[in-house]
Protein backbone atom coordinates (compact mmCIF):
# COMPACT_ATOMS: atom_id res chain seq x y z
CA MET A 1 0.11 -0.03 0.08
CA ALA A 2 1.27 3.34 -1.14
CA HIS A 3 2.30 5.64 1.90
CA THR A 4 -0.07 8.68 1.92
CA GLU A 5 1.50 11.89 2.98
CA PRO A 6 -0.21 13.75 5.79
CA LYS A 7 -2.59 16.83 4.60
CA PRO A 8 -0.35 19.89 4.90
CA LEU A 9 -1.91 22.15 7.80
CA SER A 10 -3.57 25.18 6.62
CA PRO A 11 -2.51 28.64 7.98
CA LEU A 12 -5.55 28.66 10.35
CA ASP A 13 -4.62 25.18 11.78
CA LYS A 14 -0.87 26.33 12.23
CA ASP A 15 -1.91 29.30 14.15
CA GLN A 16 -4.26 27.33 16.29
CA LEU A 17 -1.77 24.58 17.08
CA GLN A 18 1.04 27.28 17.54
CA GLY A 19 -1.37 29.01 19.87
CA LEU A 20 -2.40 25.79 22.07
CA ASN A 21 1.21 24.76 22.23
CA ALA A 22 2.29 28.04 23.51
CA ILE A 23 -0.25 27.95 26.25
CA ARG A 24 0.71 24.58 27.27
CA ASP A 25 4.23 25.57 27.70
CA PHE A 26 3.10 28.42 29.62
CA LEU A 27 1.08 26.02 32.04
CA LYS A 28 4.38 24.03 32.65
CA VAL A 29 6.38 26.97 33.66
CA ARG A 30 4.05 28.49 35.99
CA THR A 31 2.92 27.19 39.46
CA SER A 32 -0.57 26.93 41.20
CA TYR A 33 0.90 29.68 43.59
CA ASP A 34 1.05 31.87 40.60
CA VAL A 35 -2.84 31.74 40.08
CA LEU A 36 -3.61 32.94 43.39
CA PRO A 37 -4.54 36.65 43.98
CA LEU A 38 -2.14 39.06 46.04
CA SER A 39 -4.69 38.79 48.89
CA PHE A 40 -7.30 36.46 49.50
CA ARG A 41 -9.39 34.75 52.37
CA LEU A 42 -9.69 31.01 52.86
CA ILE A 43 -12.54 29.46 54.87
CA VAL A 44 -11.72 25.69 55.89
CA LEU A 45 -14.62 23.82 57.58
CA ASP A 46 -13.89 21.19 60.31
CA THR A 47 -15.58 17.97 59.45
CA ASP A 48 -17.16 17.94 62.94
CA LEU A 49 -19.39 20.83 61.90
CA LEU A 50 -23.04 20.33 61.40
CA ILE A 51 -24.11 20.30 57.66
CA LYS A 52 -26.84 22.67 58.30
CA LYS A 53 -24.22 25.24 59.92
CA SER A 54 -21.99 24.72 56.89
CA ILE A 55 -24.63 25.80 54.36
CA ASN A 56 -25.18 29.20 56.62
CA ILE A 57 -21.33 29.76 56.63
CA LEU A 58 -21.36 29.46 52.75
CA THR A 59 -24.36 31.71 52.25
CA GLN A 60 -23.08 34.28 54.77
CA ASN A 61 -19.59 34.35 53.11
CA SER A 62 -20.99 34.34 49.42
CA ILE A 63 -19.06 31.19 48.66
CA VAL A 64 -20.19 27.85 47.21
CA SER A 65 -17.38 25.58 48.42
CA ALA A 66 -14.79 25.09 50.99
CA PRO A 67 -12.03 22.70 52.05
CA LEU A 68 -12.70 20.33 54.81
CA TRP A 69 -10.29 19.54 57.63
CA ASP A 70 -10.41 16.46 59.90
CA SER A 71 -8.91 17.91 63.14
CA GLU A 72 -8.67 14.34 64.70
CA SER A 73 -5.97 13.24 62.18
CA GLY A 74 -4.79 16.68 61.34
CA ARG A 75 -5.31 16.10 57.65
CA PHE A 76 -7.03 17.56 54.59
CA ALA A 77 -10.33 15.76 54.25
CA GLY A 78 -11.72 16.55 50.78
CA ILE A 79 -13.74 19.84 49.67
CA LEU A 80 -17.36 20.63 50.42
CA THR A 81 -19.34 21.44 47.10
CA SER A 82 -22.90 21.71 45.83
CA THR A 83 -22.60 18.05 44.95
CA ASP A 84 -22.71 17.12 48.67
CA PHE A 85 -25.74 19.16 49.22
CA ILE A 86 -27.41 17.38 46.34
CA ASN A 87 -26.42 13.92 48.00
CA VAL A 88 -28.10 15.33 51.02
CA ILE A 89 -31.23 16.41 49.02
CA GLN A 90 -31.41 12.73 47.53
CA TYR A 91 -30.95 11.09 51.01
CA TYR A 92 -33.98 13.24 52.12
CA CYS A 93 -35.99 11.95 49.23
CA GLN A 94 -34.93 8.18 49.69
CA PHE A 95 -35.29 8.17 53.25
CA PRO A 96 -37.95 10.65 54.59
CA ASP A 97 -38.32 8.85 57.75
CA GLU A 98 -34.73 10.08 58.47
CA MET A 99 -35.65 13.62 58.25
CA SER A 100 -35.22 14.28 62.08
CA LYS A 101 -31.96 13.10 61.96
CA LEU A 102 -30.77 15.07 58.90
CA ASP A 103 -30.29 18.10 61.20
CA GLN A 104 -27.89 16.42 63.15
CA PHE A 105 -25.63 15.16 60.42
CA ARG A 106 -22.14 16.40 60.49
CA LEU A 107 -19.83 16.91 57.53
CA SER A 108 -18.13 13.79 58.43
CA SER A 109 -21.47 12.13 57.76
CA LEU A 110 -21.16 13.05 54.09
CA ARG A 111 -19.39 9.79 52.94
CA ASP A 112 -21.94 7.86 54.55
CA ILE A 113 -24.77 9.53 52.78
CA GLU A 114 -23.02 8.94 49.57
CA LYS A 115 -22.82 5.23 50.41
CA ALA A 116 -26.58 5.07 51.51
CA ILE A 117 -27.80 6.63 48.29
CA GLY A 118 -25.37 4.67 46.03
CA ALA A 119 -23.52 7.60 44.75
CA ILE A 120 -20.04 7.45 43.42
CA PRO A 121 -17.61 8.95 46.07
CA ILE A 122 -15.78 11.94 44.86
CA GLU A 123 -12.14 11.55 44.69
CA THR A 124 -10.07 13.52 47.24
CA VAL A 125 -7.50 15.09 45.12
CA SER A 126 -5.22 17.86 45.74
CA VAL A 127 -1.94 19.29 44.46
CA HIS A 128 1.09 20.95 45.81
CA PRO A 129 1.10 24.87 45.15
CA SER A 130 4.61 24.60 43.79
CA LYS A 131 3.92 22.10 41.39
CA PRO A 132 3.46 23.34 37.63
CA LEU A 133 -0.07 24.42 36.84
CA TYR A 134 -0.21 21.92 34.10
CA GLU A 135 -0.19 19.32 36.60
CA ALA A 136 -3.25 20.88 38.45
CA CYS A 137 -5.12 21.01 35.22
CA ARG A 138 -4.19 17.22 34.41
CA ARG A 139 -5.66 16.25 37.82
CA MET A 140 -8.92 18.27 37.38
CA LEU A 141 -9.58 16.69 34.01
CA LYS A 142 -8.94 13.23 35.25
CA THR A 143 -11.14 13.55 38.32
CA ARG A 144 -13.76 15.86 36.53
CA ALA A 145 -13.26 18.34 39.51
CA ARG A 146 -14.06 21.82 38.89
CA ARG A 147 -11.79 23.13 41.74
CA ILE A 148 -8.66 21.64 43.37
CA PRO A 149 -7.17 22.40 46.68
CA LEU A 150 -3.52 23.32 47.08
CA VAL A 151 -2.05 21.50 49.98
CA ASP A 152 1.51 22.16 51.40
CA PHE A 153 3.18 20.85 54.54
CA ASP A 154 4.04 22.80 57.59
CA SER A 155 7.81 22.39 58.22
CA GLU A 156 7.41 23.03 61.87
CA THR A 157 4.49 20.63 62.56
CA SER A 158 5.06 18.34 59.64
CA LYS A 159 1.20 18.37 59.09
CA GLU A 160 -0.75 19.18 56.08
CA MET A 161 -1.78 22.85 55.43
CA VAL A 162 -4.62 23.82 52.99
CA VAL A 163 -3.25 27.19 51.34
CA SER A 164 -6.14 27.73 48.90
CA VAL A 165 -8.30 26.38 46.26
CA ILE A 166 -7.91 27.03 42.65
CA THR A 167 -11.01 26.75 40.19
CA GLN A 168 -11.09 25.85 36.38
CA TYR A 169 -12.40 29.67 35.96
CA ARG A 170 -9.49 31.15 37.77
CA ILE A 171 -7.02 28.97 35.72
CA LEU A 172 -8.76 29.98 32.49
CA LYS A 173 -8.75 33.78 33.62
CA PHE A 174 -5.04 33.26 34.48
CA ILE A 175 -4.39 32.06 30.76
CA ALA A 176 -6.57 34.72 29.20
CA VAL A 177 -5.10 37.53 31.13
CA ASN A 178 -1.36 36.46 30.69
CA ASN A 179 -1.58 34.87 27.40
CA GLU A 180 -3.49 37.30 25.07
CA ASN A 181 -0.75 37.15 22.39
CA ASN A 182 -1.48 33.42 22.17
CA THR A 183 -5.13 33.07 22.64
CA ILE A 184 -5.67 35.67 19.49
CA LEU A 185 -4.20 32.87 17.43
CA LEU A 186 -7.24 30.55 18.30
CA LYS A 187 -9.39 31.65 15.49
CA LYS A 188 -11.23 28.46 14.88
CA THR A 189 -14.98 28.59 15.76
CA VAL A 190 -17.12 26.61 18.41
CA ARG A 191 -18.35 24.69 15.24
CA ASP A 192 -15.21 23.97 13.74
CA ILE A 193 -13.52 22.39 16.77
CA GLY A 194 -16.69 20.68 18.03
CA LEU A 195 -16.57 22.62 21.47
CA GLY A 196 -19.25 21.79 23.88
CA THR A 197 -22.50 19.54 24.20
CA PHE A 198 -25.27 20.04 21.62
CA SER A 199 -27.40 16.73 22.08
CA ASN A 200 -29.81 15.28 24.82
CA LEU A 201 -29.66 18.53 26.63
CA ALA A 202 -31.65 18.64 29.88
CA THR A 203 -34.01 21.80 30.19
CA ALA A 204 -36.75 23.16 32.37
CA ARG A 205 -39.30 26.03 32.69
CA MET A 206 -39.44 28.82 35.31
CA ASN A 207 -42.35 26.94 36.97
CA SER A 208 -40.74 23.62 37.24
CA SER A 209 -39.80 22.41 40.72
CA VAL A 210 -36.32 22.68 42.14
CA LEU A 211 -36.55 19.14 43.20
CA ASP A 212 -37.56 17.89 39.50
CA VAL A 213 -34.49 19.77 38.35
CA VAL A 214 -32.14 18.31 40.94
CA HIS A 215 -33.28 14.90 39.96
CA MET A 216 -32.54 15.69 36.33
CA MET A 217 -29.08 16.95 37.42
CA VAL A 218 -28.34 13.80 39.15
CA ALA A 219 -29.80 11.48 36.51
CA LYS A 220 -27.57 13.02 33.61
CA ASN A 221 -24.59 13.80 35.99
CA ILE A 222 -24.68 17.65 34.99
CA SER A 223 -24.08 20.79 37.02
CA CYS A 224 -26.50 22.98 35.19
CA VAL A 225 -30.01 23.10 33.53
CA PRO A 226 -30.88 25.85 31.03
CA ILE A 227 -34.36 27.65 31.87
CA LEU A 228 -36.55 28.05 28.68
CA ASP A 229 -39.62 29.91 27.98
CA ARG A 230 -42.52 28.43 25.78
CA GLU A 231 -40.68 29.28 22.72
CA ASP A 232 -37.55 27.49 23.87
CA LYS A 233 -35.63 30.70 24.21
CA VAL A 234 -33.19 30.99 27.02
CA LEU A 235 -34.27 32.82 29.99
CA ASN A 236 -31.56 31.65 32.49
CA VAL A 237 -29.78 28.65 33.85
CA PHE A 238 -30.44 26.84 37.13
CA GLU A 239 -26.99 25.71 38.49
CA ALA A 240 -26.27 23.17 41.17
CA VAL A 241 -25.01 25.95 43.55
CA ASP A 242 -28.71 27.29 43.35
CA VAL A 243 -29.69 24.55 45.66
CA ILE A 244 -27.67 25.81 48.76
CA PRO A 245 -29.96 28.84 49.22
CA CYS A 246 -33.11 26.39 48.96
CA ILE A 247 -31.82 24.27 51.91
CA LYS A 248 -30.53 26.94 54.21
CA GLY A 249 -31.81 26.37 57.80
CA GLY A 250 -33.07 22.87 57.02
CA ALA A 251 -35.98 24.29 54.81
CA TYR A 252 -36.05 21.25 52.55
CA ASP A 253 -39.73 22.06 51.92
CA ASP A 254 -38.44 24.84 49.59
CA LEU A 255 -37.35 22.09 47.29
CA ASP A 256 -41.10 21.94 46.16
CA GLY A 257 -40.94 25.51 45.12
CA SER A 258 -40.30 26.69 41.59
CA VAL A 259 -37.20 27.32 39.80
CA GLY A 260 -38.17 30.99 39.27
CA GLU A 261 -38.47 31.38 43.09
CA ALA A 262 -35.08 29.48 43.72
CA LEU A 263 -33.54 32.08 41.12
CA CYS A 264 -34.62 35.04 43.14
CA LYS A 265 -32.53 33.70 46.04
CA ARG A 266 -29.27 34.43 44.35
CA SER A 267 -27.09 36.74 45.66
CA ASP A 268 -26.53 40.16 44.14
CA GLU A 269 -23.05 39.00 43.12
CA SER A 270 -24.29 36.20 40.77
CA PRO A 271 -22.62 36.66 37.38
CA GLY A 272 -25.54 35.84 35.34
CA ILE A 273 -25.27 33.80 32.21
CA TYR A 274 -23.28 34.52 29.04
CA THR A 275 -24.11 33.34 25.70
CA CYS A 276 -22.19 32.74 22.25
CA ASN A 277 -22.82 31.40 18.74
CA VAL A 278 -21.47 28.31 17.21
CA ASP A 279 -19.58 30.72 14.87
CA ASP A 280 -17.89 32.63 17.54
CA ARG A 281 -14.29 31.87 17.84
CA LEU A 282 -12.23 30.62 20.82
CA ASP A 283 -10.18 33.69 20.90
CA SER A 284 -13.40 35.73 21.39
CA ILE A 285 -14.33 33.20 24.06
CA PHE A 286 -11.26 33.78 25.98
CA ASP A 287 -11.69 37.61 25.62
CA THR A 288 -15.01 37.26 27.43
CA ILE A 289 -13.30 35.02 30.12
CA ARG A 290 -10.49 37.83 30.34
CA LYS A 291 -13.25 40.47 30.99
CA SER A 292 -15.97 38.72 32.98
CA ARG A 293 -16.75 36.03 35.64
CA VAL A 294 -17.86 33.21 33.18
CA HIS A 295 -18.70 29.82 34.59
CA ARG A 296 -20.02 28.48 31.31
CA LEU A 297 -21.15 29.77 28.05
CA ILE A 298 -24.78 28.91 26.72
CA VAL A 299 -24.67 28.55 23.00
CA VAL A 300 -27.56 29.98 21.14
CA ASP A 301 -28.95 30.99 17.71
CA ASP A 302 -29.96 34.22 16.49
CA GLU A 303 -33.25 34.01 18.27
CA ASN A 304 -31.76 33.23 21.51
CA ARG A 305 -32.95 29.63 21.18
CA LEU A 306 -30.72 26.94 22.93
CA LYS A 307 -28.14 25.10 20.91
CA GLY A 308 -25.64 23.87 23.20
CA ILE A 309 -23.73 24.51 26.47
CA ILE A 310 -19.87 24.96 26.78
CA SER A 311 -18.49 24.13 30.16
CA LEU A 312 -15.08 25.42 31.43
CA SER A 313 -14.24 21.73 31.49
CA ASP A 314 -14.84 21.53 27.73
CA ILE A 315 -12.42 24.52 27.11
CA LEU A 316 -9.71 23.36 29.69
CA LYS A 317 -9.77 19.97 28.11
CA TYR A 318 -9.50 21.36 24.33
CA VAL A 319 -6.63 23.68 25.33
CA LEU A 320 -4.60 20.77 26.85
CA LEU A 321 -5.71 17.81 24.87
CA SER A 322 -6.34 19.11 21.25
CA GLY A 323 -4.05 17.76 18.82
CA VAL A 324 -2.36 15.38 21.38
CA GLU A 325 -2.37 12.00 19.94
CA ASP A 326 -1.23 9.58 22.66
CA THR A 327 -2.97 10.46 25.84
CA THR A 328 -2.68 6.79 27.40
CA ASN A 329 -0.11 7.93 29.78
CA TRP A 330 -1.14 11.49 29.87
CA MET A 331 -3.18 11.52 33.23
């Protein structure tokens, strides 16, 4: 069989590959420390804390996650996220007779709740802050985590020490701010590179119940559900973090309320939703990330009808993996 020469790359392909490789090189020489702002606060929760109190702490401080600390062992014990609260809601639905006990559950009970409802345990993953940022990105993609704690060791006590938590958003923002000369090379469109999910999309209406939407997210293993009007135009997005105010103070009855009512409980700091078109280029998406607090992009047509969803995981995966032929040992 005659040897077939590979098709030469077009100028567009060359620019795209040059930009991606430059960004990867950048991630390999920068550390997770570099991503952190000059000043920040870190709230760490002890696993002995009541779950209902942890919800109040998150809402009072306008945060949606926090590292967990086991004071008995003196070790990092994972990270509290909206997924844990969705597991609590599932437990409430599956074991309604246990409702009286739910208020007494502590954060240390979260793993028992996972087992009771048959949820797949979330891998406890962390990275040393001085390791290359590229390694943190790899671990995030491997575990499908949207955030990863930075854990160091205290030289005086020889114990673990949680330094901070970095998110996919902060990593992509760091790339966008510090690599504009490389992101401008990424001129292929969303359609060209097949970025995002465009089929079997879960959707809901403003009058859908919160509980129905939570069950939808669990069934499809997703973290957001677009909210559409009667003409299937995008009105908003219900996110996993939106369940947190709904169960604040143990008010699980609020889960029977509508999505519209739940969205009204969002803080004034909520970033809202960002949209794009299938013909928007990746460089313009990075420009949006550079300027705004983006957690996902809703793909719409010219009539604002839903076409797809681009997650930050989709973008990070493309940046790290596109054009990489052998990924067997990559993770």
